[in-house]
C-alpha atoms as a PDB file:
ATOM      1  CA  MET A   1      -3.325   7.103  40.527  1.00  0.00           C
ATOM      2  CA  SER A   2      -7.065   6.916  40.925  1.00  0.00           C
ATOM      3  CA  GLU A   3      -9.277   9.968  41.068  1.00  0.00           C
ATOM      4  CA  LEU A   4     -10.078  10.964  44.646  1.00  0.00           C
ATOM      5  CA  PHE A   5     -13.119  12.798  46.005  1.00  0.00           C
ATOM      6  CA  THR A   6     -13.793  14.574  49.275  1.00  0.00           C
ATOM      7  CA  VAL A   7     -17.106  13.896  50.965  1.00  0.00           C
ATOM      8  CA  ASN A   8     -18.427  17.242  49.716  1.00  0.00           C
ATOM      9  CA  GLN A   9     -17.302  16.598  46.140  1.00  0.00           C
ATOM     10  CA  LEU A  10     -18.850  13.144  46.149  1.00  0.00           C
ATOM     11  CA  ALA A  11     -22.068  14.462  47.670  1.00  0.00           C
ATOM     12  CA  GLU A  12     -22.371  17.179  45.045  1.00  0.00           C
ATOM     13  CA  ASP A  13     -21.496  14.758  42.235  1.00  0.00           C
ATOM     14  CA  LEU A  14     -24.163  12.257  43.290  1.00  0.00           C
ATOM     15  CA  GLY A  15     -26.823  14.678  44.485  1.00  0.00           C
ATOM     16  CA  VAL A  16     -26.856  13.545  48.102  1.00  0.00           C
ATOM     17  CA  THR A  17     -25.870  15.214  51.337  1.00  0.00           C
ATOM     18  CA  PRO A  18     -22.489  14.738  52.989  1.00  0.00           C
ATOM     19  CA  ARG A  19     -24.461  13.455  55.986  1.00  0.00           C
ATOM     20  CA  ALA A  20     -25.959  10.662  53.861  1.00  0.00           C
ATOM     21  CA  ILE A  21     -22.486   9.637  52.724  1.00  0.00           C
ATOM     22  CA  ARG A  22     -21.243   9.612  56.311  1.00  0.00           C
ATOM     23  CA  PHE A  23     -24.265   7.480  57.264  1.00  0.00           C
ATOM     24  CA  TYR A  24     -23.370   4.873  54.630  1.00  0.00           C
ATOM     25  CA  GLU A  25     -19.773   5.027  55.807  1.00  0.00           C
ATOM     26  CA  VAL A  26     -20.828   4.360  59.422  1.00  0.00           C
ATOM     27  CA  LYS A  27     -22.925   1.423  58.173  1.00  0.00           C
ATOM     28  CA  GLY A  28     -19.781   0.004  56.538  1.00  0.00           C
ATOM     29  CA  LEU A  29     -21.068   0.221  52.959  1.00  0.00           C
ATOM     30  CA  ILE A  30     -18.209   2.464  51.870  1.00  0.00           C
ATOM     31  CA  ALA A  31     -14.758   2.844  53.396  1.00  0.00           C
ATOM     32  CA  PRO A  32     -12.850   5.997  52.521  1.00  0.00           C
ATOM     33  CA  ARG A  33      -9.144   6.384  53.037  1.00  0.00           C
ATOM     34  CA  ARG A  34      -7.408   9.244  54.799  1.00  0.00           C
ATOM     35  CA  ALA A  35      -5.262  11.852  53.139  1.00  0.00           C
ATOM     36  CA  GLY A  36      -3.919  13.594  56.199  1.00  0.00           C
ATOM     37  CA  THR A  37      -6.995  14.569  58.168  1.00  0.00           C
ATOM     38  CA  THR A  38      -9.323  14.470  55.166  1.00  0.00           C
ATOM     39  CA  ARG A  39     -11.386  11.425  54.264  1.00  0.00           C
ATOM     40  CA  VAL A  40     -11.084  10.701  50.553  1.00  0.00           C
ATOM     41  CA  PHE A  41     -13.158   8.438  48.379  1.00  0.00           C
ATOM     42  CA  ASP A  42     -11.924   6.707  45.252  1.00  0.00           C
ATOM     43  CA  ARG A  43     -13.789   5.532  42.152  1.00  0.00           C
ATOM     44  CA  ARG A  44     -14.561   2.210  43.832  1.00  0.00           C
ATOM     45  CA  ASP A  45     -16.232   4.020  46.746  1.00  0.00           C
ATOM     46  CA  ARG A  46     -18.171   6.137  44.244  1.00  0.00           C
ATOM     47  CA  ALA A  47     -19.324   3.014  42.371  1.00  0.00           C
ATOM     48  CA  ARG A  48     -20.345   1.328  45.632  1.00  0.00           C
ATOM     49  CA  LEU A  49     -22.230   4.427  46.681  1.00  0.00           C
ATOM     50  CA  LEU A  50     -24.049   4.494  43.349  1.00  0.00           C
ATOM     51  CA  LEU A  51     -25.111   0.879  43.966  1.00  0.00           C
ATOM     52  CA  VAL A  52     -26.263   1.771  47.486  1.00  0.00           C
ATOM     53  CA  LEU A  53     -28.322   4.692  46.213  1.00  0.00           C
ATOM     54  CA  ARG A  54     -29.849   2.622  43.431  1.00  0.00           C
ATOM     55  CA  GLY A  55     -30.648  -0.189  45.853  1.00  0.00           C
ATOM     56  CA  LYS A  56     -32.352   2.250  48.234  1.00  0.00           C
ATOM     57  CA  ARG A  57     -34.308   3.812  45.355  1.00  0.00           C
ATOM     58  CA  LEU A  58     -35.519   0.341  44.360  1.00  0.00           C
ATOM     59  CA  GLY A  59     -36.625  -0.384  47.916  1.00  0.00           C
ATOM     60  CA  PHE A  60     -33.916  -2.753  49.095  1.00  0.00           C
ATOM     61  CA  SER A  61     -32.858  -2.654  52.730  1.00  0.00           C
ATOM     62  CA  LEU A  62     -29.323  -1.726  53.731  1.00  0.00           C
ATOM     63  CA  ALA A  63     -28.794  -5.342  54.807  1.00  0.00           C
ATOM     64  CA  GLU A  64     -29.756  -6.569  51.332  1.00  0.00           C
ATOM     65  CA  ILE A  65     -27.519  -3.980  49.697  1.00  0.00           C
ATOM     66  CA  ARG A  66     -24.650  -5.075  51.942  1.00  0.00           C
ATOM     67  CA  GLU A  67     -25.188  -8.680  50.777  1.00  0.00           C
ATOM     68  CA  PHE A  68     -24.842  -7.591  47.142  1.00  0.00           C
ATOM     69  CA  LEU A  69     -21.707  -5.583  47.855  1.00  0.00           C
ATOM     70  CA  ASP A  70     -20.123  -8.326  49.975  1.00  0.00           C
ATOM     71  CA  LEU A  71     -20.735 -10.914  47.273  1.00  0.00           C
ATOM     72  CA  TYR A  72     -19.080  -8.677  44.716  1.00  0.00           C
ATOM     73  CA  ASP A  73     -15.993  -8.471  46.918  1.00  0.00           C
ATOM     74  CA  THR A  74     -15.771 -12.250  47.369  1.00  0.00           C
ATOM     75  CA  ASP A  75     -16.902 -13.486  43.939  1.00  0.00           C
ATOM     76  CA  ARG A  76     -15.229 -11.619  41.100  1.00  0.00           C
ATOM     77  CA  THR A  77     -17.189 -13.695  38.542  1.00  0.00           C
ATOM     78  CA  GLN A  78     -20.288 -11.992  39.960  1.00  0.00           C
ATOM     79  CA  ARG A  79     -22.264 -15.222  39.542  1.00  0.00           C
ATOM     80  CA  SER A  80     -23.330 -15.353  43.194  1.00  0.00           C
ATOM     81  CA  GLN A  81     -24.073 -11.645  43.205  1.00  0.00           C
ATOM     82  CA  LEU A  82     -26.219 -11.890  40.074  1.00  0.00           C
ATOM     83  CA  SER A  83     -28.095 -14.921  41.395  1.00  0.00           C
ATOM     84  CA  LEU A  84     -28.877 -13.112  44.634  1.00  0.00           C
ATOM     85  CA  LEU A  85     -29.800  -9.959  42.739  1.00  0.00           C
ATOM     86  CA  LEU A  86     -32.190 -11.932  40.543  1.00  0.00           C
ATOM     87  CA  GLU A  87     -33.797 -13.588  43.570  1.00  0.00           C
ATOM     88  CA  LYS A  88     -34.178 -10.296  45.474  1.00  0.00           C
ATOM     89  CA  THR A  89     -35.402  -8.452  42.381  1.00  0.00           C
ATOM     90  CA  ARG A  90     -38.111 -11.021  41.730  1.00  0.00           C
ATOM     91  CA  SER A  91     -39.161 -10.837  45.367  1.00  0.00           C
ATOM     92  CA  ARG A  92     -39.285  -7.031  45.255  1.00  0.00           C
ATOM     93  CA  ILE A  93     -41.340  -7.097  42.039  1.00  0.00           C
ATOM     94  CA  ALA A  94     -43.839  -9.449  43.702  1.00  0.00           C
ATOM     95  CA  GLU A  95     -44.058  -7.145  46.750  1.00  0.00           C
ATOM     96  CA  LEU A  96     -44.626  -4.073  44.593  1.00  0.00           C
ATOM     97  CA  GLU A  97     -47.249  -5.833  42.477  1.00  0.00           C
ATOM     98  CA  GLN A  98     -49.102  -6.828  45.657  1.00  0.00           C
ATOM     99  CA  GLN A  99     -48.871  -3.237  46.920  1.00  0.00           C
ATOM    100  CA  ARG A 100     -50.285  -2.035  43.604  1.00  0.00           C
ATOM    101  CA  ARG A 101     -53.218  -4.450  43.884  1.00  0.00           C
ATOM    102  CA  ASP A 102     -53.814  -3.340  47.477  1.00  0.00           C
ATOM    103  CA  LEU A 103     -53.640   0.314  46.466  1.00  0.00           C
ATOM    104  CA  GLU A 104     -56.063  -0.210  43.573  1.00  0.00           C
ATOM    105  CA  GLN A 105     -58.509  -1.958  45.926  1.00  0.00           C
ATOM    106  CA  THR A 106     -58.230   0.873  48.456  1.00  0.00           C
ATOM    107  CA  LEU A 107     -58.787   3.477  45.725  1.00  0.00           C
ATOM    108  CA  ASP A 108     -61.863   1.584  44.487  1.00  0.00           C
ATOM    109  CA  GLU A 109     -63.272   1.464  48.022  1.00  0.00           C
ATOM    110  CA  LEU A 110     -62.608   5.164  48.593  1.00  0.00           C
ATOM    111  CA  LYS A 111     -64.283   6.053  45.298  1.00  0.00           C
ATOM    112  CA  ALA A 112     -67.327   3.983  46.322  1.00  0.00           C
ATOM    113  CA  VAL A 113     -67.502   5.803  49.681  1.00  0.00           C
ATOM    114  CA  GLU A 114     -67.177   9.119  47.854  1.00  0.00           C
ATOM    115  CA  SER A 115     -70.046   8.200  45.495  1.00  0.00           C
ATOM    116  CA  GLU A 116     -72.243   7.094  48.386  1.00  0.00           C
ATOM    117  CA  ALA A 117     -71.561  10.311  50.303  1.00  0.00           C
ATOM    118  CA  LEU A 118     -72.348  12.422  47.231  1.00  0.00           C
ATOM    119  CA  ALA A 119     -75.574  10.495  46.642  1.00  0.00           C
ATOM    120  CA  VAL A 120     -76.699  11.069  50.254  1.00  0.00           C
ATOM    121  CA  LEU A 121     -75.875  14.763  49.990  1.00  0.00           C
ATOM    122  CA  ASP A 122     -77.778  15.029  46.692  1.00  0.00           C
ATOM    123  CA  ASP A 123     -80.816  13.217  48.194  1.00  0.00           C
ATOM    124  CA  ARG A 124     -80.834  15.515  51.215  1.00  0.00           C
ATOM    125  CA  ALA A 125     -80.483  18.596  49.049  1.00  0.00           C
ATOM    126  CA  ALA A 126     -83.412  17.452  46.872  1.00  0.00           C
ATOM    127  CA  ALA A 127     -85.591  16.681  49.926  1.00  0.00           C
ATOM    128  CA  ALA A 128     -84.841  19.922  51.747  1.00  0.00           C
ATOM    129  CA  PRO A 129     -87.741  22.386  51.728  1.00  0.00           C
ATOM    130  CA  THR A 130     -87.198  25.424  49.644  1.00  0.00           C
ATOM    131  CA  SER A 131     -88.065  28.766  51.080  1.00  0.00           C
ATOM    132  CA  VAL A 132     -90.279  30.953  48.968  1.00  0.00           C
ATOM    133  CA  ALA A 133     -89.992  34.644  49.473  1.00  0.00           C
ATOM    134  CA  ASP A 134     -93.321  36.445  49.449  1.00  0.00           C
END
């Protein structure tokens, strides 16, 4: 018999909230069984949830994560899943590299504005008359 988890046990084990697990359940990414009135998750559900959490952490959408999971269910060789994963991973890397370039450009522009503002403040401070106390 496989090891079973309640939603609270699984949440604690994976460091997420029970609400997050229920959300992924509603989205059809995991499908617990019932043991009486209690929903129970098996090791397969736990593994799927780990993949969901990793996919989210890496920036994949729930739709993309569902594609990966669905391919795993239909292609036990995992060839289709790995091909899709490779394609999506390369795309995500390209997106993140573009975001990094954009962020670096924005930081450079902000630093230039900061330097200009400091220079103006320094010029005004140097040009301001000083008061001499008699």
